[in-house]
Amino acid sequence: MTILITGGAGYIGSHTARLLTELGRDVVVLDTLERGYRDALNDIDLVVGDIADQRTVGKVCRKYRVESVIHFAAYKAVGESMTEPLRYYQNNVAASISLVESLLENEVTRIVFSSSAAVYGTPDTAPVNEDAPVRPESVYAQTKADVERFLGASDAAGLTSVCLRYFNAAGAHESGDMGEDWSATENLVPVVMKVLFGAQTSLEVFGDDYPTADGSCVRDYVHVSDLADAHVKALDYLASGGKSLICNVGTGQGTSVKQLMAMTESVTGRALPHHITGRRAGDPAAVFADPTLMRAVLGWRATRDLREIISSAYRWHERHPDGYDR
């Protein structure tokens, strides 16, 4: 029996696919390669196709005897979602509904969904637990919240799900041959690496007057390999008969922008050019996870710290200055 990974040629999906194969699990990836990379998968089986194509999904389920799914396939750029809302709803929400229809038609009844802590918007307090109000502040975040609700409603159709609300995924595979392509992301760690390797002249720090210890924003950075392990734990939980669940995935530790910069300089021995600009609209002062539920129910906790996040990302970008071969 096989695990289908939609969007598995992307950053988190490819790390999860690699981990599952290392654990001896059978995996097949379905990806359009619009924003994913074949080179990230090595010899893992890949079907190039769209989750909205029910005929293709059905064929994959039957050919590979799919028993469960990890669903990563989505657009994730916040700014782009605000200017292209129809595209985001079509790809993230409508296509997810189509995928679930295909899965149920083929008697696949377990799914792990790649959600986001962005569904909380600007939380009232930190750390944030799963009881915090869901208040999306972007089209992207709203699509994640909508799919969560849809999956919850699909319990009535026999589908069980785990929705994983990621905080800030970062870092790269320990081998140095898999990582986050900086051409396709606005996340802080790859942008820091852009500056170190000369692809960008200076790091723009959005505000240093927040009510935090050093005035810069605080976030929860979780290593991508730990995040991949969270998906394995979620799959095993569903396979053991677990009920549908929504969990935060984070370290529970807040790190400021300035702390991340200092760690980068410590790890790499290189100065990080930067400049302070005004606050960015919609950026809360501090957002980090309360991972209690994830630990208690799924038995997961982060094992890699900020130093390993930075060192692994540096190793990846040093070896792949242009990302994956195009």
C-alpha atoms as a PDB file:
ATOM      1  CA  MET A   1       0.000   0.000   0.000  1.00  0.00           C
ATOM      2  CA  THR A   2       1.222   3.473  -0.936  1.00  0.00           C
ATOM      3  CA  ILE A   3       1.172   7.029   0.379  1.00  0.00           C
ATOM      4  CA  LEU A   4       0.205   9.641  -2.207  1.00  0.00           C
ATOM      5  CA  ILE A   5       1.904  13.010  -1.704  1.00  0.00           C
ATOM      6  CA  THR A   6       0.292  15.850  -3.613  1.00  0.00           C
ATOM      7  CA  GLY A   7       2.631  18.756  -4.271  1.00  0.00           C
ATOM      8  CA  GLY A   8       5.438  16.454  -3.205  1.00  0.00           C
ATOM      9  CA  ALA A   9       8.050  18.102  -5.424  1.00  0.00           C
ATOM     10  CA  GLY A  10       7.873  21.291  -3.361  1.00  0.00           C
ATOM     11  CA  TYR A  11       9.980  22.307  -0.383  1.00  0.00           C
ATOM     12  CA  ILE A  12       8.219  20.559   2.507  1.00  0.00           C
ATOM     13  CA  GLY A  13       6.676  17.860   0.333  1.00  0.00           C
ATOM     14  CA  SER A  14      10.011  16.646  -1.020  1.00  0.00           C
ATOM     15  CA  HIS A  15      11.528  16.437   2.463  1.00  0.00           C
ATOM     16  CA  THR A  16       8.526  14.446   3.633  1.00  0.00           C
ATOM     17  CA  ALA A  17       8.708  12.130   0.636  1.00  0.00           C
ATOM     18  CA  ARG A  18      12.418  11.536   1.284  1.00  0.00           C
ATOM     19  CA  LEU A  19      11.826  10.722   4.952  1.00  0.00           C
ATOM     20  CA  LEU A  20       9.015   8.294   4.193  1.00  0.00           C
ATOM     21  CA  THR A  21      11.143   6.395   1.669  1.00  0.00           C
ATOM     22  CA  GLU A  22      14.023   6.286   4.159  1.00  0.00           C
ATOM     23  CA  LEU A  23      11.585   4.666   6.586  1.00  0.00           C
ATOM     24  CA  GLY A  24      10.723   2.028   3.989  1.00  0.00           C
ATOM     25  CA  ARG A  25       7.294   3.392   3.069  1.00  0.00           C
ATOM     26  CA  ASP A  26       6.009   3.232  -0.498  1.00  0.00           C
ATOM     27  CA  VAL A  27       5.447   6.732  -1.904  1.00  0.00           C
ATOM     28  CA  VAL A  28       4.140   8.275  -5.111  1.00  0.00           C
ATOM     29  CA  VAL A  29       4.158  12.019  -5.790  1.00  0.00           C
ATOM     30  CA  LEU A  30       1.550  13.895  -7.815  1.00  0.00           C
ATOM     31  CA  ASP A  31       2.754  17.350  -8.813  1.00  0.00           C
ATOM     32  CA  THR A  32       2.265  19.709 -11.755  1.00  0.00           C
ATOM     33  CA  LEU A  33       5.907  20.863 -11.379  1.00  0.00           C
ATOM     34  CA  GLU A  34       4.617  24.425 -11.787  1.00  0.00           C
ATOM     35  CA  ARG A  35       6.327  25.313  -8.511  1.00  0.00           C
ATOM     36  CA  GLY A  36       8.061  22.061  -7.669  1.00  0.00           C
ATOM     37  CA  TYR A  37      11.278  20.420  -8.839  1.00  0.00           C
ATOM     38  CA  ARG A  38      11.804  16.946 -10.227  1.00  0.00           C
ATOM     39  CA  ASP A  39      15.390  17.022  -8.967  1.00  0.00           C
ATOM     40  CA  ALA A  40      14.128  17.244  -5.392  1.00  0.00           C
ATOM     41  CA  LEU A  41      12.718  13.719  -5.606  1.00  0.00           C
ATOM     42  CA  ASN A  42      15.677  11.650  -6.824  1.00  0.00           C
ATOM     43  CA  ASP A  43      14.177   8.286  -7.832  1.00  0.00           C
ATOM     44  CA  ILE A  44      10.814   8.641  -6.057  1.00  0.00           C
ATOM     45  CA  ASP A  45       7.930   7.876  -8.403  1.00  0.00           C
ATOM     46  CA  LEU A  46       6.432  11.064  -9.837  1.00  0.00           C
ATOM     47  CA  VAL A  47       3.204  11.507 -11.768  1.00  0.00           C
ATOM     48  CA  VAL A  48       3.046  14.918 -13.420  1.00  0.00           C
ATOM     49  CA  GLY A  49      -0.550  16.016 -13.092  1.00  0.00           C
ATOM     50  CA  ASP A  50      -3.119  18.162 -11.328  1.00  0.00           C
ATOM     51  CA  ILE A  51      -5.107  17.176  -8.244  1.00  0.00           C
ATOM     52  CA  ALA A  52      -8.173  18.706  -9.929  1.00  0.00           C
ATOM     53  CA  ASP A  53      -7.927  16.067 -12.680  1.00  0.00           C
ATOM     54  CA  GLN A  54     -10.091  13.349 -11.152  1.00  0.00           C
ATOM     55  CA  ARG A  55      -9.267  10.854 -13.876  1.00  0.00           C
ATOM     56  CA  THR A  56      -5.536  11.154 -13.149  1.00  0.00           C
ATOM     57  CA  VAL A  57      -6.034  10.976  -9.384  1.00  0.00           C
ATOM     58  CA  GLY A  58      -8.189   7.879  -9.782  1.00  0.00           C
ATOM     59  CA  LYS A  59      -5.601   6.170 -11.972  1.00  0.00           C
ATOM     60  CA  VAL A  60      -2.841   6.904  -9.467  1.00  0.00           C
ATOM     61  CA  CYS A  61      -4.926   5.584  -6.572  1.00  0.00           C
ATOM     62  CA  ARG A  62      -5.675   2.342  -8.365  1.00  0.00           C
ATOM     63  CA  LYS A  63      -2.258   1.763  -9.914  1.00  0.00           C
ATOM     64  CA  TYR A  64      -0.332   2.363  -6.701  1.00  0.00           C
ATOM     65  CA  ARG A  65      -2.995   1.021  -4.304  1.00  0.00           C
ATOM     66  CA  VAL A  66      -3.002   4.283  -2.393  1.00  0.00           C
ATOM     67  CA  GLU A  67      -4.076   3.982   1.252  1.00  0.00           C
ATOM     68  CA  SER A  68      -3.487   7.514   2.542  1.00  0.00           C
ATOM     69  CA  VAL A  69      -2.625  10.987   1.297  1.00  0.00           C
ATOM     70  CA  ILE A  70      -0.505  13.922   2.399  1.00  0.00           C
ATOM     71  CA  HIS A  71      -1.860  17.016   0.700  1.00  0.00           C
ATOM     72  CA  PHE A  72       0.669  19.802   0.062  1.00  0.00           C
ATOM     73  CA  ALA A  73      -0.492  21.005  -3.355  1.00  0.00           C
ATOM     74  CA  ALA A  74      -1.328  24.698  -2.947  1.00  0.00           C
ATOM     75  CA  TYR A  75      -0.158  28.168  -3.819  1.00  0.00           C
ATOM     76  CA  LYS A  76       1.310  29.899  -0.776  1.00  0.00           C
ATOM     77  CA  ALA A  77       2.452  33.452  -1.594  1.00  0.00           C
ATOM     78  CA  VAL A  78       0.490  35.840   0.605  1.00  0.00           C
ATOM     79  CA  GLY A  79       0.987  38.908  -1.575  1.00  0.00           C
ATOM     80  CA  GLU A  80       0.103  37.064  -4.766  1.00  0.00           C
ATOM     81  CA  SER A  81      -3.052  35.708  -3.145  1.00  0.00           C
ATOM     82  CA  MET A  82      -4.304  39.250  -2.550  1.00  0.00           C
ATOM     83  CA  THR A  83      -3.926  40.217  -6.203  1.00  0.00           C
ATOM     84  CA  GLU A  84      -5.036  36.881  -7.697  1.00  0.00           C
ATOM     85  CA  PRO A  85      -7.790  35.632  -5.353  1.00  0.00           C
ATOM     86  CA  LEU A  86      -9.664  33.613  -7.980  1.00  0.00           C
ATOM     87  CA  ARG A  87      -6.531  31.689  -8.837  1.00  0.00           C
ATOM     88  CA  TYR A  88      -5.943  30.879  -5.171  1.00  0.00           C
ATOM     89  CA  TYR A  89      -9.501  29.762  -4.511  1.00  0.00           C
ATOM     90  CA  GLN A  90      -9.493  27.612  -7.648  1.00  0.00           C
ATOM     91  CA  ASN A  91      -6.166  25.939  -6.910  1.00  0.00           C
ATOM     92  CA  ASN A  92      -6.268  25.724  -3.111  1.00  0.00           C
ATOM     93  CA  VAL A  93      -9.965  25.193  -2.362  1.00  0.00           C
ATOM     94  CA  ALA A  94     -11.822  23.953  -5.445  1.00  0.00           C
ATOM     95  CA  ALA A  95      -9.020  21.564  -6.410  1.00  0.00           C
ATOM     96  CA  SER A  96      -8.884  20.193  -2.847  1.00  0.00           C
ATOM     97  CA  ILE A  97     -12.601  19.424  -3.001  1.00  0.00           C
ATOM     98  CA  SER A  98     -12.066  17.663  -6.311  1.00  0.00           C
ATOM     99  CA  LEU A  99      -9.173  15.688  -4.817  1.00  0.00           C
ATOM    100  CA  VAL A 100     -11.272  14.493  -1.877  1.00  0.00           C
ATOM    101  CA  GLU A 101     -14.084  13.418  -4.212  1.00  0.00           C
ATOM    102  CA  SER A 102     -11.576  11.320  -6.158  1.00  0.00           C
ATOM    103  CA  LEU A 103     -10.102   9.814  -3.006  1.00  0.00           C
ATOM    104  CA  LEU A 104     -13.458   8.766  -1.604  1.00  0.00           C
ATOM    105  CA  GLU A 105     -14.484   7.271  -4.942  1.00  0.00           C
ATOM    106  CA  ASN A 106     -11.363   5.122  -4.683  1.00  0.00           C
ATOM    107  CA  GLU A 107     -11.913   4.234  -1.017  1.00  0.00           C
ATOM    108  CA  VAL A 108      -9.011   6.331   0.277  1.00  0.00           C
ATOM    109  CA  THR A 109     -10.218   7.670   3.612  1.00  0.00           C
ATOM    110  CA  ARG A 110      -7.168   9.159   5.392  1.00  0.00           C
ATOM    111  CA  ILE A 111      -5.552  12.518   4.616  1.00  0.00           C
ATOM    112  CA  VAL A 112      -2.958  14.760   6.269  1.00  0.00           C
ATOM    113  CA  PHE A 113      -3.393  18.381   5.213  1.00  0.00           C
ATOM    114  CA  SER A 114      -0.695  21.024   4.976  1.00  0.00           C
ATOM    115  CA  SER A 115      -2.321  23.980   6.709  1.00  0.00           C
ATOM    116  CA  SER A 116      -0.767  27.090   8.216  1.00  0.00           C
ATOM    117  CA  ALA A 117      -0.589  29.139  11.391  1.00  0.00           C
ATOM    118  CA  ALA A 118      -1.563  32.017   9.108  1.00  0.00           C
ATOM    119  CA  VAL A 119      -5.175  31.007   9.789  1.00  0.00           C
ATOM    120  CA  TYR A 120      -4.827  32.719  13.203  1.00  0.00           C
ATOM    121  CA  GLY A 121      -4.097  36.104  11.633  1.00  0.00           C
ATOM    122  CA  THR A 122      -2.845  38.389  14.390  1.00  0.00           C
ATOM    123  CA  PRO A 123      -3.366  36.339  17.562  1.00  0.00           C
ATOM    124  CA  ASP A 124      -4.345  38.004  20.814  1.00  0.00           C
ATOM    125  CA  THR A 125      -1.598  36.261  22.782  1.00  0.00           C
ATOM    126  CA  ALA A 126       1.460  34.052  22.304  1.00  0.00           C
ATOM    127  CA  PRO A 127       2.094  31.173  22.484  1.00  0.00           C
ATOM    128  CA  VAL A 128      -0.869  30.272  20.286  1.00  0.00           C
ATOM    129  CA  ASN A 129      -2.881  27.110  20.892  1.00  0.00           C
ATOM    130  CA  GLU A 130      -5.509  25.490  18.690  1.00  0.00           C
ATOM    131  CA  ASP A 131      -8.378  27.174  20.564  1.00  0.00           C
ATOM    132  CA  ALA A 132      -7.271  30.626  19.404  1.00  0.00           C
ATOM    133  CA  PRO A 133      -9.734  32.371  17.072  1.00  0.00           C
ATOM    134  CA  VAL A 134      -9.306  31.666  13.359  1.00  0.00           C
ATOM    135  CA  ARG A 135      -9.037  35.113  11.755  1.00  0.00           C
ATOM    136  CA  PRO A 136      -7.278  34.920   8.379  1.00  0.00           C
ATOM    137  CA  GLU A 137      -5.853  38.191   7.093  1.00  0.00           C
ATOM    138  CA  SER A 138      -5.002  37.118   3.542  1.00  0.00           C
ATOM    139  CA  VAL A 139      -6.667  35.175   0.763  1.00  0.00           C
ATOM    140  CA  TYR A 140      -3.979  32.510   1.161  1.00  0.00           C
ATOM    141  CA  ALA A 141      -4.768  32.063   4.855  1.00  0.00           C
ATOM    142  CA  GLN A 142      -8.496  32.057   4.155  1.00  0.00           C
ATOM    143  CA  THR A 143      -8.100  29.221   1.648  1.00  0.00           C
ATOM    144  CA  LYS A 144      -6.278  27.157   4.274  1.00  0.00           C
ATOM    145  CA  ALA A 145      -9.043  27.801   6.807  1.00  0.00           C
ATOM    146  CA  ASP A 146     -11.690  26.909   4.217  1.00  0.00           C
ATOM    147  CA  VAL A 147     -10.046  23.575   3.388  1.00  0.00           C
ATOM    148  CA  GLU A 148      -9.738  22.796   7.099  1.00  0.00           C
ATOM    149  CA  ARG A 149     -13.481  23.330   7.500  1.00  0.00           C
ATOM    150  CA  PHE A 150     -14.233  21.263   4.416  1.00  0.00           C
ATOM    151  CA  LEU A 151     -12.133  18.369   5.690  1.00  0.00           C
ATOM    152  CA  GLY A 152     -13.878  18.560   9.043  1.00  0.00           C
ATOM    153  CA  ALA A 153     -17.239  18.361   7.327  1.00  0.00           C
ATOM    154  CA  SER A 154     -15.993  15.421   5.254  1.00  0.00           C
ATOM    155  CA  ASP A 155     -15.908  13.292   8.399  1.00  0.00           C
ATOM    156  CA  ALA A 156     -19.557  12.625   7.608  1.00  0.00           C
ATOM    157  CA  ALA A 157     -18.481  11.103   4.283  1.00  0.00           C
ATOM    158  CA  GLY A 158     -16.021   8.743   5.987  1.00  0.00           C
ATOM    159  CA  LEU A 159     -12.827  10.800   5.580  1.00  0.00           C
ATOM    160  CA  THR A 160     -10.550  11.258   8.587  1.00  0.00           C
ATOM    161  CA  SER A 161      -7.961  14.011   8.549  1.00  0.00           C
ATOM    162  CA  VAL A 162      -5.141  15.674  10.440  1.00  0.00           C
ATOM    163  CA  CYS A 163      -4.646  19.351   9.639  1.00  0.00           C
ATOM    164  CA  LEU A 164      -1.151  20.534  10.537  1.00  0.00           C
ATOM    165  CA  ARG A 165      -0.892  24.262  11.143  1.00  0.00           C
ATOM    166  CA  TYR A 166       2.758  25.012  10.394  1.00  0.00           C
ATOM    167  CA  PHE A 167       4.536  27.931  11.892  1.00  0.00           C
ATOM    168  CA  ASN A 168       7.764  28.961  10.062  1.00  0.00           C
ATOM    169  CA  ALA A 169       9.341  26.087   8.153  1.00  0.00           C
ATOM    170  CA  ALA A 170      13.050  26.627   7.556  1.00  0.00           C
ATOM    171  CA  GLY A 171      16.345  24.840   7.014  1.00  0.00           C
ATOM    172  CA  ALA A 172      17.363  22.075   4.647  1.00  0.00           C
ATOM    173  CA  HIS A 173      18.067  18.341   4.514  1.00  0.00           C
ATOM    174  CA  GLU A 174      21.187  17.245   6.397  1.00  0.00           C
ATOM    175  CA  SER A 175      22.664  15.838   3.177  1.00  0.00           C
ATOM    176  CA  GLY A 176      22.858  19.319   1.665  1.00  0.00           C
ATOM    177  CA  ASP A 177      21.160  18.150  -1.533  1.00  0.00           C
ATOM    178  CA  MET A 178      17.617  19.329  -0.711  1.00  0.00           C
ATOM    179  CA  GLY A 179      16.452  22.745   0.412  1.00  0.00           C
ATOM    180  CA  GLU A 180      14.311  25.790  -0.227  1.00  0.00           C
ATOM    181  CA  ASP A 181      14.846  27.439  -3.613  1.00  0.00           C
ATOM    182  CA  TRP A 182      15.143  31.147  -2.852  1.00  0.00           C
ATOM    183  CA  SER A 183      13.754  32.142  -6.251  1.00  0.00           C
ATOM    184  CA  ALA A 184      10.293  30.959  -5.209  1.00  0.00           C
ATOM    185  CA  THR A 185       9.966  32.166  -1.619  1.00  0.00           C
ATOM    186  CA  GLU A 186       9.823  35.288   0.516  1.00  0.00           C
ATOM    187  CA  ASN A 187      10.629  33.444   3.769  1.00  0.00           C
ATOM    188  CA  LEU A 188      13.229  35.036   6.014  1.00  0.00           C
ATOM    189  CA  VAL A 189      15.906  32.315   6.091  1.00  0.00           C
ATOM    190  CA  PRO A 190      16.321  31.970   2.295  1.00  0.00           C
ATOM    191  CA  VAL A 191      16.236  35.775   1.951  1.00  0.00           C
ATOM    192  CA  VAL A 192      19.055  35.962   4.532  1.00  0.00           C
ATOM    193  CA  MET A 193      20.973  33.446   2.422  1.00  0.00           C
ATOM    194  CA  LYS A 194      20.370  35.559  -0.686  1.00  0.00           C
ATOM    195  CA  VAL A 195      22.167  38.414   1.028  1.00  0.00           C
ATOM    196  CA  LEU A 196      25.057  36.267   2.244  1.00  0.00           C
ATOM    197  CA  PHE A 197      25.664  34.857  -1.219  1.00  0.00           C
ATOM    198  CA  GLY A 198      25.318  38.168  -3.037  1.00  0.00           C
ATOM    199  CA  ALA A 199      21.989  37.648  -4.785  1.00  0.00           C
ATOM    200  CA  GLN A 200      20.609  40.574  -2.756  1.00  0.00           C
ATOM    201  CA  THR A 201      22.584  43.514  -1.424  1.00  0.00           C
ATOM    202  CA  SER A 202      20.990  43.925   2.014  1.00  0.00           C
ATOM    203  CA  LEU A 203      18.405  42.360   4.289  1.00  0.00           C
ATOM    204  CA  GLU A 204      15.369  44.552   4.844  1.00  0.00           C
ATOM    205  CA  VAL A 205      14.277  44.392   8.484  1.00  0.00           C
ATOM    206  CA  PHE A 206      10.670  45.505   8.754  1.00  0.00           C
ATOM    207  CA  GLY A 207      10.563  47.507  11.965  1.00  0.00           C
ATOM    208  CA  ASP A 208      12.637  47.549  15.156  1.00  0.00           C
ATOM    209  CA  ASP A 209      10.073  49.223  17.408  1.00  0.00           C
ATOM    210  CA  TYR A 210       7.799  46.296  18.246  1.00  0.00           C
ATOM    211  CA  PRO A 211       6.964  45.505  21.882  1.00  0.00           C
ATOM    212  CA  THR A 212       9.486  42.641  21.962  1.00  0.00           C
ATOM    213  CA  ALA A 213      12.798  42.255  23.780  1.00  0.00           C
ATOM    214  CA  ASP A 214      14.863  43.715  20.919  1.00  0.00           C
ATOM    215  CA  GLY A 215      12.146  45.523  18.967  1.00  0.00           C
ATOM    216  CA  SER A 216      12.017  43.092  16.035  1.00  0.00           C
ATOM    217  CA  CYS A 217       9.272  40.590  15.198  1.00  0.00           C
ATOM    218  CA  VAL A 218       9.295  37.196  16.903  1.00  0.00           C
ATOM    219  CA  ARG A 219       8.414  33.988  15.082  1.00  0.00           C
ATOM    220  CA  ASP A 220       8.604  30.214  15.608  1.00  0.00           C
ATOM    221  CA  TYR A 221      11.110  28.562  13.242  1.00  0.00           C
ATOM    222  CA  VAL A 222      10.767  24.783  12.847  1.00  0.00           C
ATOM    223  CA  HIS A 223      13.277  22.706  10.899  1.00  0.00           C
ATOM    224  CA  VAL A 224      11.825  21.250   7.708  1.00  0.00           C
ATOM    225  CA  SER A 225      13.063  17.767   8.633  1.00  0.00           C
ATOM    226  CA  ASP A 226      11.216  17.963  11.949  1.00  0.00           C
ATOM    227  CA  LEU A 227       8.174  19.105  10.019  1.00  0.00           C
ATOM    228  CA  ALA A 228       8.483  16.093   7.723  1.00  0.00           C
ATOM    229  CA  ASP A 229       8.522  13.860  10.796  1.00  0.00           C
ATOM    230  CA  ALA A 230       5.297  15.508  11.981  1.00  0.00           C
ATOM    231  CA  HIS A 231       3.593  14.202   8.831  1.00  0.00           C
ATOM    232  CA  VAL A 232       4.809  10.684   9.501  1.00  0.00           C
ATOM    233  CA  LYS A 233       3.427  10.894  13.037  1.00  0.00           C
ATOM    234  CA  ALA A 234       0.114  12.167  11.664  1.00  0.00           C
ATOM    235  CA  LEU A 235      -0.114   9.313   9.156  1.00  0.00           C
ATOM    236  CA  ASP A 236       0.571   6.737  11.855  1.00  0.00           C
ATOM    237  CA  TYR A 237      -2.018   8.347  14.116  1.00  0.00           C
ATOM    238  CA  LEU A 238      -4.699   8.040  11.413  1.00  0.00           C
ATOM    239  CA  ALA A 239      -3.626   4.483  10.552  1.00  0.00           C
ATOM    240  CA  SER A 240      -4.142   3.503  14.187  1.00  0.00           C
ATOM    241  CA  GLY A 241      -7.737   4.708  14.075  1.00  0.00           C
ATOM    242  CA  GLY A 242      -7.257   8.246  15.336  1.00  0.00           C
ATOM    243  CA  LYS A 243     -10.071  10.750  14.922  1.00  0.00           C
ATOM    244  CA  SER A 244      -9.829  13.917  12.857  1.00  0.00           C
ATOM    245  CA  LEU A 245      -7.578  16.491  14.473  1.00  0.00           C
ATOM    246  CA  ILE A 246      -6.090  19.965  14.027  1.00  0.00           C
ATOM    247  CA  CYS A 247      -2.601  20.539  15.486  1.00  0.00           C
ATOM    248  CA  ASN A 248      -0.032  23.298  15.663  1.00  0.00           C
ATOM    249  CA  VAL A 249       3.436  22.346  14.463  1.00  0.00           C
ATOM    250  CA  GLY A 250       6.111  24.520  16.010  1.00  0.00           C
ATOM    251  CA  THR A 251       8.892  24.492  18.555  1.00  0.00           C
ATOM    252  CA  GLY A 252       7.126  26.605  21.157  1.00  0.00           C
ATOM    253  CA  GLN A 253      10.173  28.887  21.113  1.00  0.00           C
ATOM    254  CA  GLY A 254      10.020  32.430  19.761  1.00  0.00           C
ATOM    255  CA  THR A 255      12.999  33.813  17.840  1.00  0.00           C
ATOM    256  CA  SER A 256      13.294  37.454  16.849  1.00  0.00           C
ATOM    257  CA  VAL A 257      14.549  38.672  13.492  1.00  0.00           C
ATOM    258  CA  LYS A 258      17.604  40.136  15.191  1.00  0.00           C
ATOM    259  CA  GLN A 259      18.309  36.873  17.030  1.00  0.00           C
ATOM    260  CA  LEU A 260      18.121  34.986  13.742  1.00  0.00           C
ATOM    261  CA  MET A 261      20.507  37.475  12.163  1.00  0.00           C
ATOM    262  CA  ALA A 262      22.968  37.100  15.048  1.00  0.00           C
ATOM    263  CA  MET A 263      22.793  33.304  14.811  1.00  0.00           C
ATOM    264  CA  THR A 264      23.448  33.516  11.076  1.00  0.00           C
ATOM    265  CA  GLU A 265      26.585  35.568  11.637  1.00  0.00           C
ATOM    266  CA  SER A 266      27.714  33.194  14.397  1.00  0.00           C
ATOM    267  CA  VAL A 267      27.200  30.049  12.306  1.00  0.00           C
ATOM    268  CA  THR A 268      28.653  31.354   9.052  1.00  0.00           C
ATOM    269  CA  GLY A 269      31.334  33.695  10.367  1.00  0.00           C
ATOM    270  CA  ARG A 270      30.113  36.288   7.879  1.00  0.00           C
ATOM    271  CA  ALA A 271      28.627  39.740   8.353  1.00  0.00           C
ATOM    272  CA  LEU A 272      25.001  40.094   7.276  1.00  0.00           C
ATOM    273  CA  PRO A 273      24.353  43.461   5.610  1.00  0.00           C
ATOM    274  CA  HIS A 274      20.971  44.817   6.658  1.00  0.00           C
ATOM    275  CA  HIS A 275      18.922  47.965   7.019  1.00  0.00           C
ATOM    276  CA  ILE A 276      15.888  48.857   9.095  1.00  0.00           C
ATOM    277  CA  THR A 277      12.721  50.031   7.367  1.00  0.00           C
ATOM    278  CA  GLY A 278       9.212  50.697   8.596  1.00  0.00           C
ATOM    279  CA  ARG A 279       6.853  48.042   9.856  1.00  0.00           C
ATOM    280  CA  ARG A 280       5.135  45.914   7.248  1.00  0.00           C
ATOM    281  CA  ALA A 281       1.334  46.075   7.312  1.00  0.00           C
ATOM    282  CA  GLY A 282      -0.239  43.076   9.029  1.00  0.00           C
ATOM    283  CA  ASP A 283       2.900  41.821  10.796  1.00  0.00           C
ATOM    284  CA  PRO A 284       2.070  40.913  14.418  1.00  0.00           C
ATOM    285  CA  ALA A 285       4.775  41.508  17.015  1.00  0.00           C
ATOM    286  CA  ALA A 286       5.095  37.897  18.203  1.00  0.00           C
ATOM    287  CA  VAL A 287       3.657  34.610  16.955  1.00  0.00           C
ATOM    288  CA  PHE A 288       4.878  31.259  18.232  1.00  0.00           C
ATOM    289  CA  ALA A 289       3.234  27.917  18.856  1.00  0.00           C
ATOM    290  CA  ASP A 290       1.926  26.114  21.848  1.00  0.00           C
ATOM    291  CA  PRO A 291       2.773  22.569  20.625  1.00  0.00           C
ATOM    292  CA  THR A 292       1.252  20.786  23.632  1.00  0.00           C
ATOM    293  CA  LEU A 293      -1.448  18.988  21.630  1.00  0.00           C
ATOM    294  CA  MET A 294       1.003  17.793  18.989  1.00  0.00           C
ATOM    295  CA  ARG A 295       3.246  16.351  21.684  1.00  0.00           C
ATOM    296  CA  ALA A 296       0.455  14.758  23.699  1.00  0.00           C
ATOM    297  CA  VAL A 297      -1.562  13.179  20.885  1.00  0.00           C
ATOM    298  CA  LEU A 298       0.957  12.524  18.100  1.00  0.00           C
ATOM    299  CA  GLY A 299       4.090  12.151  20.208  1.00  0.00           C
ATOM    300  CA  TRP A 300       5.992  14.707  18.134  1.00  0.00           C
ATOM    301  CA  ARG A 301       8.428  17.383  19.189  1.00  0.00           C
ATOM    302  CA  ALA A 302      11.037  19.416  17.351  1.00  0.00           C
ATOM    303  CA  THR A 303      14.563  18.026  17.772  1.00  0.00           C
ATOM    304  CA  ARG A 304      16.602  20.552  15.749  1.00  0.00           C
ATOM    305  CA  ASP A 305      17.379  24.062  16.971  1.00  0.00           C
ATOM    306  CA  LEU A 306      17.943  27.413  15.261  1.00  0.00           C
ATOM    307  CA  ARG A 307      21.673  26.740  14.819  1.00  0.00           C
ATOM    308  CA  GLU A 308      20.902  23.580  12.812  1.00  0.00           C
ATOM    309  CA  ILE A 309      18.293  25.457  10.770  1.00  0.00           C
ATOM    310  CA  ILE A 310      20.828  28.107   9.791  1.00  0.00           C
ATOM    311  CA  SER A 311      23.750  25.723   9.231  1.00  0.00           C
ATOM    312  CA  SER A 312      21.689  23.347   7.074  1.00  0.00           C
ATOM    313  CA  ALA A 313      20.251  26.189   4.996  1.00  0.00           C
ATOM    314  CA  TYR A 314      23.739  27.647   4.515  1.00  0.00           C
ATOM    315  CA  ARG A 315      25.090  24.258   3.427  1.00  0.00           C
ATOM    316  CA  TRP A 316      22.274  23.848   0.872  1.00  0.00           C
ATOM    317  CA  HIS A 317      22.638  27.328  -0.635  1.00  0.00           C
ATOM    318  CA  GLU A 318      26.434  27.085  -0.698  1.00  0.00           C
ATOM    319  CA  ARG A 319      26.177  23.911  -2.779  1.00  0.00           C
ATOM    320  CA  HIS A 320      23.212  25.077  -4.878  1.00  0.00           C
ATOM    321  CA  PRO A 321      23.561  28.826  -5.462  1.00  0.00           C
ATOM    322  CA  ASP A 322      21.054  28.640  -8.296  1.00  0.00           C
ATOM    323  CA  GLY A 323      18.682  26.255  -6.541  1.00  0.00           C
ATOM    324  CA  TYR A 324      17.646  23.092  -8.347  1.00  0.00           C
ATOM    325  CA  ASP A 325      18.829  22.638 -11.925  1.00  0.00           C
ATOM    326  CA  ARG A 326      16.230  24.100 -14.225  1.00  0.00           C
END
